[in-house]
Every structure is written in structure tokens, then in C-alpha cells.
PDB file of all heavy atoms in Angstrom:
ATOM      1  N   GLU A   1       0.753  -1.224   0.014  1.00  0.00           N
ATOM      2  CA  GLU A   1       0.012  -0.047   0.081  1.00  0.00           C
ATOM      3  C   GLU A   1       0.895   1.351  -0.049  1.00  0.00           C
ATOM      4  O   GLU A   1       0.347   2.326  -0.357  1.00  0.00           O
ATOM      5  CB  GLU A   1      -0.941   0.053   1.191  1.00  0.00           C
ATOM      6  CG  GLU A   1      -1.876  -1.101   1.333  1.00  0.00           C
ATOM      7  CD  GLU A   1      -1.341  -2.315   2.120  1.00  0.00           C
ATOM      8  OE1 GLU A   1      -0.029  -2.327   2.384  1.00  0.00           O
ATOM      9  OE2 GLU A   1      -2.156  -3.069   2.642  1.00  0.00           O
ATOM     10  N   THR A   2       2.091   1.258   0.446  1.00  0.00           N
ATOM     11  CA  THR A   2       2.974   2.376   0.490  1.00  0.00           C
ATOM     12  C   THR A   2       4.270   2.398  -0.278  1.00  0.00           C
ATOM     13  O   THR A   2       4.887   3.317  -0.356  1.00  0.00           O
ATOM     14  CB  THR A   2       3.321   2.640   2.023  1.00  0.00           C
ATOM     15  OG1 THR A   2       3.934   1.464   2.497  1.00  0.00           O
ATOM     16  CG2 THR A   2       2.054   2.856   2.818  1.00  0.00           C
ATOM     17  N   ALA A   3       4.512   1.329  -0.966  1.00  0.00           N
ATOM     18  CA  ALA A   3       5.726   1.201  -1.833  1.00  0.00           C
ATOM     19  C   ALA A   3       5.607   2.288  -2.975  1.00  0.00           C
ATOM     20  O   ALA A   3       4.572   2.409  -3.556  1.00  0.00           O
ATOM     21  CB  ALA A   3       5.807  -0.246  -2.368  1.00  0.00           C
ATOM     22  N   GLY A   4       6.536   3.164  -3.054  1.00  0.00           N
ATOM     23  CA  GLY A   4       6.550   4.159  -4.053  1.00  0.00           C
ATOM     24  C   GLY A   4       5.944   5.463  -3.688  1.00  0.00           C
ATOM     25  O   GLY A   4       5.912   6.382  -4.432  1.00  0.00           O
ATOM     26  N   VAL A   5       5.253   5.405  -2.495  1.00  0.00           N
ATOM     27  CA  VAL A   5       4.598   6.674  -2.046  1.00  0.00           C
ATOM     28  C   VAL A   5       5.605   7.550  -1.462  1.00  0.00           C
ATOM     29  O   VAL A   5       6.446   7.194  -0.522  1.00  0.00           O
ATOM     30  CB  VAL A   5       3.502   6.295  -1.035  1.00  0.00           C
ATOM     31  CG1 VAL A   5       2.918   7.531  -0.399  1.00  0.00           C
ATOM     32  CG2 VAL A   5       2.436   5.466  -1.538  1.00  0.00           C
ATOM     33  N   PRO A   6       5.869   8.804  -1.833  1.00  0.00           N
ATOM     34  CA  PRO A   6       6.735   9.768  -1.309  1.00  0.00           C
ATOM     35  C   PRO A   6       6.531   9.994   0.202  1.00  0.00           C
ATOM     36  O   PRO A   6       5.371  10.158   0.685  1.00  0.00           O
ATOM     37  CB  PRO A   6       6.458  11.008  -2.118  1.00  0.00           C
ATOM     38  CG  PRO A   6       5.113  10.964  -2.636  1.00  0.00           C
ATOM     39  CD  PRO A   6       4.850   9.521  -2.845  1.00  0.00           C
ATOM     40  N   VAL A   7       7.531  10.007   0.994  1.00  0.00           N
ATOM     41  CA  VAL A   7       7.482  10.269   2.372  1.00  0.00           C
ATOM     42  C   VAL A   7       8.346  11.573   2.772  1.00  0.00           C
ATOM     43  O   VAL A   7       9.502  11.609   2.430  1.00  0.00           O
ATOM     44  CB  VAL A   7       8.207   8.992   3.153  1.00  0.00           C
ATOM     45  CG1 VAL A   7       8.222   9.302   4.635  1.00  0.00           C
ATOM     46  CG2 VAL A   7       7.394   7.814   2.830  1.00  0.00           C
ATOM     47  N   ILE A   8       7.648  12.354   3.476  1.00  0.00           N
ATOM     48  CA  ILE A   8       8.374  13.614   3.979  1.00  0.00           C
ATOM     49  C   ILE A   8       8.630  13.317   5.444  1.00  0.00           C
ATOM     50  O   ILE A   8       7.698  13.057   6.254  1.00  0.00           O
ATOM     51  CB  ILE A   8       7.512  14.837   3.729  1.00  0.00           C
ATOM     52  CG1 ILE A   8       7.214  15.140   2.338  1.00  0.00           C
ATOM     53  CG2 ILE A   8       8.067  16.071   4.409  1.00  0.00           C
ATOM     54  CD1 ILE A   8       6.319  16.189   2.000  1.00  0.00           C
ATOM     55  N   LEU A   9       9.833  13.461   5.924  1.00  0.00           N
ATOM     56  CA  LEU A   9      10.139  13.162   7.437  1.00  0.00           C
ATOM     57  C   LEU A   9       9.908  14.460   8.103  1.00  0.00           C
ATOM     58  O   LEU A   9      10.391  15.679   7.648  1.00  0.00           O
ATOM     59  CB  LEU A   9      11.615  12.794   7.439  1.00  0.00           C
ATOM     60  CG  LEU A   9      11.945  11.483   6.998  1.00  0.00           C
ATOM     61  CD1 LEU A   9      13.375  11.169   7.402  1.00  0.00           C
ATOM     62  CD2 LEU A   9      11.214  10.414   7.808  1.00  0.00           C
ATOM     63  N   LEU A  10       9.202  14.407   9.158  1.00  0.00           N
ATOM     64  CA  LEU A  10       9.092  15.607  10.125  1.00  0.00           C
ATOM     65  C   LEU A  10      10.144  15.567  11.205  1.00  0.00           C
ATOM     66  O   LEU A  10      10.204  14.552  12.031  1.00  0.00           O
ATOM     67  CB  LEU A  10       7.679  15.459  10.814  1.00  0.00           C
ATOM     68  CG  LEU A  10       6.490  15.356   9.831  1.00  0.00           C
ATOM     69  CD1 LEU A  10       5.168  15.103  10.640  1.00  0.00           C
ATOM     70  CD2 LEU A  10       6.437  16.557   8.908  1.00  0.00           C
ATOM     71  N   CYS A  11      11.140  16.424  11.106  1.00  0.00           N
ATOM     72  CA  CYS A  11      12.258  16.308  11.981  1.00  0.00           C
ATOM     73  C   CYS A  11      12.376  17.411  13.069  1.00  0.00           C
ATOM     74  O   CYS A  11      11.857  18.499  12.960  1.00  0.00           O
ATOM     75  CB  CYS A  11      13.623  16.645  11.012  1.00  0.00           C
ATOM     76  SG  CYS A  11      13.707  15.424   9.711  1.00  0.00           S
ATOM     77  N   ASP A  12      12.917  16.980  14.084  1.00  0.00           N
ATOM     78  CA  ASP A  12      13.130  18.070  15.240  1.00  0.00           C
ATOM     79  C   ASP A  12      14.116  18.893  14.844  1.00  0.00           C
ATOM     80  O   ASP A  12      14.923  18.747  13.831  1.00  0.00           O
ATOM     81  CB  ASP A  12      13.648  17.208  16.422  1.00  0.00           C
ATOM     82  CG  ASP A  12      12.564  16.339  16.996  1.00  0.00           C
ATOM     83  OD1 ASP A  12      11.309  16.657  16.954  1.00  0.00           O
ATOM     84  OD2 ASP A  12      12.861  15.261  17.607  1.00  0.00           O
ATOM     85  N   VAL A  13      14.137  20.040  15.481  1.00  0.00           N
ATOM     86  CA  VAL A  13      15.215  21.051  15.193  1.00  0.00           C
ATOM     87  C   VAL A  13      16.561  20.670  15.802  1.00  0.00           C
ATOM     88  O   VAL A  13      16.923  20.900  16.889  1.00  0.00           O
ATOM     89  CB  VAL A  13      14.844  22.413  15.776  1.00  0.00           C
ATOM     90  CG1 VAL A  13      15.865  23.504  15.358  1.00  0.00           C
ATOM     91  CG2 VAL A  13      13.505  22.891  15.238  1.00  0.00           C
ATOM     92  N   SER A  14      17.316  19.929  14.942  1.00  0.00           N
ATOM     93  CA  SER A  14      18.542  19.393  15.456  1.00  0.00           C
ATOM     94  C   SER A  14      19.658  19.434  14.540  1.00  0.00           C
ATOM     95  O   SER A  14      20.666  18.854  14.502  1.00  0.00           O
ATOM     96  CB  SER A  14      18.352  17.932  15.859  1.00  0.00           C
ATOM     97  OG  SER A  14      17.848  17.252  14.731  1.00  0.00           O
ATOM     98  N   GLY A  15      19.513  20.246  13.453  1.00  0.00           N
ATOM     99  CA  GLY A  15      20.586  20.551  12.563  1.00  0.00           C
ATOM    100  C   GLY A  15      20.450  19.694  11.269  1.00  0.00           C
ATOM    101  O   GLY A  15      19.559  18.762  11.087  1.00  0.00           O
ATOM    102  N   PRO A  16      21.173  19.971  10.254  1.00  0.00           N
ATOM    103  CA  PRO A  16      21.098  19.316   8.868  1.00  0.00           C
ATOM    104  C   PRO A  16      21.330  17.899   8.744  1.00  0.00           C
ATOM    105  O   PRO A  16      21.074  17.185   7.869  1.00  0.00           O
ATOM    106  CB  PRO A  16      21.986  20.146   7.972  1.00  0.00           C
ATOM    107  CG  PRO A  16      23.038  20.776   8.865  1.00  0.00           C
ATOM    108  CD  PRO A  16      22.298  20.907  10.126  1.00  0.00           C
ATOM    109  N   ALA A  17      22.225  17.416   9.770  1.00  0.00           N
ATOM    110  CA  ALA A  17      22.648  15.993   9.695  1.00  0.00           C
ATOM    111  C   ALA A  17      21.406  15.092   9.568  1.00  0.00           C
ATOM    112  O   ALA A  17      21.416  14.068   8.935  1.00  0.00           O
ATOM    113  CB  ALA A  17      23.498  15.664  11.001  1.00  0.00           C
ATOM    114  N   GLU A  18      20.341  15.341  10.561  1.00  0.00           N
ATOM    115  CA  GLU A  18      19.188  14.354  10.470  1.00  0.00           C
ATOM    116  C   GLU A  18      18.448  14.456   9.117  1.00  0.00           C
ATOM    117  O   GLU A  18      17.987  13.421   8.629  1.00  0.00           O
ATOM    118  CB  GLU A  18      18.274  14.822  11.660  1.00  0.00           C
ATOM    119  CG  GLU A  18      16.919  14.063  11.707  1.00  0.00           C
ATOM    120  CD  GLU A  18      16.080  14.374  12.873  1.00  0.00           C
ATOM    121  OE1 GLU A  18      16.467  15.488  13.509  1.00  0.00           O
ATOM    122  OE2 GLU A  18      14.971  13.833  13.027  1.00  0.00           O
ATOM    123  N   GLU A  19      18.303  15.645   8.572  1.00  0.00           N
ATOM    124  CA  GLU A  19      17.692  15.821   7.314  1.00  0.00           C
ATOM    125  C   GLU A  19      18.528  15.104   6.208  1.00  0.00           C
ATOM    126  O   GLU A  19      17.837  14.343   5.343  1.00  0.00           O
ATOM    127  CB  GLU A  19      17.559  17.402   6.949  1.00  0.00           C
ATOM    128  CG  GLU A  19      16.723  18.165   7.937  1.00  0.00           C
ATOM    129  CD  GLU A  19      16.774  19.694   7.737  1.00  0.00           C
ATOM    130  OE1 GLU A  19      17.931  20.064   7.234  1.00  0.00           O
ATOM    131  OE2 GLU A  19      15.907  20.320   7.962  1.00  0.00           O
ATOM    132  N   LEU A  20      19.712  15.210   6.162  1.00  0.00           N
ATOM    133  CA  LEU A  20      20.583  14.503   5.099  1.00  0.00           C
ATOM    134  C   LEU A  20      20.418  12.963   5.270  1.00  0.00           C
ATOM    135  O   LEU A  20      20.325  12.330   4.376  1.00  0.00           O
ATOM    136  CB  LEU A  20      21.954  15.035   5.187  1.00  0.00           C
ATOM    137  CG  LEU A  20      22.252  16.421   4.748  1.00  0.00           C
ATOM    138  CD1 LEU A  20      23.731  16.798   4.904  1.00  0.00           C
ATOM    139  CD2 LEU A  20      21.937  16.595   3.121  1.00  0.00           C
ATOM    140  N   SER A  21      20.379  12.636   6.600  1.00  0.00           N
ATOM    141  CA  SER A  21      20.328  11.208   6.844  1.00  0.00           C
ATOM    142  C   SER A  21      18.982  10.595   6.240  1.00  0.00           C
ATOM    143  O   SER A  21      18.916   9.486   5.617  1.00  0.00           O
ATOM    144  CB  SER A  21      20.414  10.948   8.483  1.00  0.00           C
ATOM    145  OG  SER A  21      20.230   9.487   8.617  1.00  0.00           O
ATOM    146  N   GLY A  22      17.984  11.469   6.402  1.00  0.00           N
ATOM    147  CA  GLY A  22      16.707  11.008   6.009  1.00  0.00           C
ATOM    148  C   GLY A  22      16.587  10.917   4.600  1.00  0.00           C
ATOM    149  O   GLY A  22      15.998   9.904   3.855  1.00  0.00           O
ATOM    150  N   LEU A  23      17.095  11.847   3.796  1.00  0.00           N
ATOM    151  CA  LEU A  23      17.200  11.830   2.401  1.00  0.00           C
ATOM    152  C   LEU A  23      18.026  10.640   1.900  1.00  0.00           C
ATOM    153  O   LEU A  23      17.595  10.065   0.780  1.00  0.00           O
ATOM    154  CB  LEU A  23      17.809  13.222   1.905  1.00  0.00           C
ATOM    155  CG  LEU A  23      17.010  14.413   2.082  1.00  0.00           C
ATOM    156  CD1 LEU A  23      17.693  15.758   1.699  1.00  0.00           C
ATOM    157  CD2 LEU A  23      15.656  14.399   1.271  1.00  0.00           C
ATOM    158  N   THR A  24      19.130  10.430   2.509  1.00  0.00           N
ATOM    159  CA  THR A  24      19.827   9.271   2.119  1.00  0.00           C
ATOM    160  C   THR A  24      19.176   7.896   2.161  1.00  0.00           C
ATOM    161  O   THR A  24      19.335   6.977   1.434  1.00  0.00           O
ATOM    162  CB  THR A  24      21.277   9.119   2.912  1.00  0.00           C
ATOM    163  OG1 THR A  24      22.032  10.318   2.803  1.00  0.00           O
ATOM    164  CG2 THR A  24      22.129   7.966   2.527  1.00  0.00           C
ATOM    165  N   ARG A  25      18.340   7.819   3.239  1.00  0.00           N
ATOM    166  CA  ARG A  25      17.496   6.648   3.444  1.00  0.00           C
ATOM    167  C   ARG A  25      16.261   6.529   2.410  1.00  0.00           C
ATOM    168  O   ARG A  25      15.602   5.500   2.508  1.00  0.00           O
ATOM    169  CB  ARG A  25      16.923   6.589   4.907  1.00  0.00           C
ATOM    170  CG  ARG A  25      18.098   6.436   5.948  1.00  0.00           C
ATOM    171  CD  ARG A  25      18.775   5.153   5.866  1.00  0.00           C
ATOM    172  NE  ARG A  25      17.975   3.999   6.143  1.00  0.00           N
ATOM    173  CZ  ARG A  25      17.968   3.403   7.329  1.00  0.00           C
ATOM    174  NH1 ARG A  25      18.601   3.965   8.441  1.00  0.00           N
ATOM    175  NH2 ARG A  25      17.259   2.322   7.663  1.00  0.00           N
ATOM    176  N   GLY A  26      16.076   7.608   1.723  1.00  0.00           N
ATOM    177  CA  GLY A  26      14.925   7.514   0.611  1.00  0.00           C
ATOM    178  C   GLY A  26      13.834   8.360   0.946  1.00  0.00           C
ATOM    179  O   GLY A  26      12.882   8.324   0.156  1.00  0.00           O
ATOM    180  N   ALA A  27      13.842   9.211   1.821  1.00  0.00           N
ATOM    181  CA  ALA A  27      12.823  10.169   2.032  1.00  0.00           C
ATOM    182  C   ALA A  27      12.870  11.209   0.874  1.00  0.00           C
ATOM    183  O   ALA A  27      13.779  11.516   0.391  1.00  0.00           O
ATOM    184  CB  ALA A  27      12.979  10.997   3.383  1.00  0.00           C
ATOM    185  N   ALA A  28      11.691  11.611   0.487  1.00  0.00           N
ATOM    186  CA  ALA A  28      11.478  12.666  -0.645  1.00  0.00           C
ATOM    187  C   ALA A  28      11.907  13.891  -0.119  1.00  0.00           C
ATOM    188  O   ALA A  28      12.266  14.866  -0.981  1.00  0.00           O
ATOM    189  CB  ALA A  28      10.035  12.527  -1.019  1.00  0.00           C
ATOM    190  N   ASP A  29      11.648  14.263   1.072  1.00  0.00           N
ATOM    191  CA  ASP A  29      11.867  15.648   1.657  1.00  0.00           C
ATOM    192  C   ASP A  29      11.857  15.618   3.086  1.00  0.00           C
ATOM    193  O   ASP A  29      11.534  14.555   3.708  1.00  0.00           O
ATOM    194  CB  ASP A  29      10.764  16.433   1.203  1.00  0.00           C
ATOM    195  CG  ASP A  29      11.171  17.939   1.111  1.00  0.00           C
ATOM    196  OD1 ASP A  29      12.271  18.344   1.699  1.00  0.00           O
ATOM    197  OD2 ASP A  29      10.465  18.798   0.696  1.00  0.00           O
TER     198      ASP A  29
END
């Protein structure tokens, strides 16, 4: 039901490292 569905990660204010990690794991944004 969710394969191929874009995922946007909701991140805490903890710097760009968490955001880049999420993008590397396949998050769309």
C-alpha cells in the first residue's frame, strides 16, 4: 500500500545531519 509513495520526514530542530540522513534513506523531503 505504501511502496513508491513519497515520504516527508518531520524532523526535530537538530541541525542538517538528521535531514541529510533521511534523504539518504530514501525520504522525498
